[in-house]
Amino acid sequence: MGGSADARDLQAAWSGYWRAGHTESCLGEEASLAPLVAVWRGFFSAFCDGAKLLDIATGGASVVRLALQTAEADGKSFAIDGIDVADLSKVRSALNPGRSVVRLASGVDAGALPFPDACFDGVCSQFGVEYADVPAACREAVRVMRAGARGLFVIHHRESAITSAAVARLAAYRAVFANDDAYRAGRKVFELYARRAPGVQILDAEGKFRRAVRDLEARLRTDAAYGTAHEIVAFLNDISKSPQIFQPADALKRIAVAEREVSGWALRQQAQIDSARDSTGIGQVSRWLSEAGASPQPPVLIAHDGEVLAWQCAFEKRD
């Protein structure tokens, strides 16, 4: 990610998400990710004791945890670095490295790694490298690998169950929240309470707020994709019923936090959709790795119960 306003907003959205204690980028999809565990344990079990590994766009450190579990099961220890543009302070404090050594670095661009050439025995990324400047990230990943070092990227598939779910959730949210009328109406109510406006003004504002919330409720559906929309509408409905029982400053803060969290959620959903690769796109990733000095294997589909989950892109640095 670069320094644009959109990139900074997305960085802040991911930082807030990881600070909330999440360990997977695909919230709600954890059960279907089981096949990835076998992929990663197979990858990490091939490394020798003391291997130096780099996890790119480590996020909630789910892959780092699998590396640690594999090392422990095999009686080995690894030296693992994880980098991400987002704030990983909460992630770092939740890790238990055992005999291994783990270093997580926040605010690091995958396209400009702060490591010397040829210093890692393995490089990996799960649902992360595709969010970056991918050509630059591929060049950097290969640059920091020793000759013969192995790499593995697990990358979002354009037609995967995960991507399809993100598309459905985002479409459902936008179908309900076509505008921010309800948020604005809610803020108006509590701003009037805060300045002790005349009662007639407050009653009028409360009526507009409740009508705006009813409009949202009318757009809700029972489909699972509407889960996030249901949660937000329930929150707005709660504070619209009896606004007088809330402290104005507290209510305004809660509305602002809800708006910020939902905006971050929508940014993450859209970024995941945009970063997903079709067969042409994953072929381009392989070409970028090859141009950087690696020998990539043909991309492989990872599936669960007959549904595509992701691409598996394995590679090795040439001598």
Foldseek 3Di string as FASTA:
>chain_A
DDDDPLVVLLQALLQVVVLVPDQDLLPPCVVQCVLVLVVLLVVLLPDDAAFEEEEEQCRLVPSVVSNLVSQVVVVGEYEYEYEHQHDCPNSVVPDDNVPYHYHYYYNDALLDDPAAFAAGLEYEYEQGCLLHPLLSNLLSRLRNHHAFRKYKYWHAALQFPSLVLLVLLLVLLCQLPVDCQLLVLQLLLLVCVVVVHDPVSNVVSLVSNQVSLVSSVVRDDPDPSCVVSVVVSVVSNVCSVCVVVDNSVVSNVVSVVVVSNVVSVSSSSVSSNVSHDYQVRVVVSCVSNVVSAKHKDRWDFDGGPPGTGTIMIMITGHD
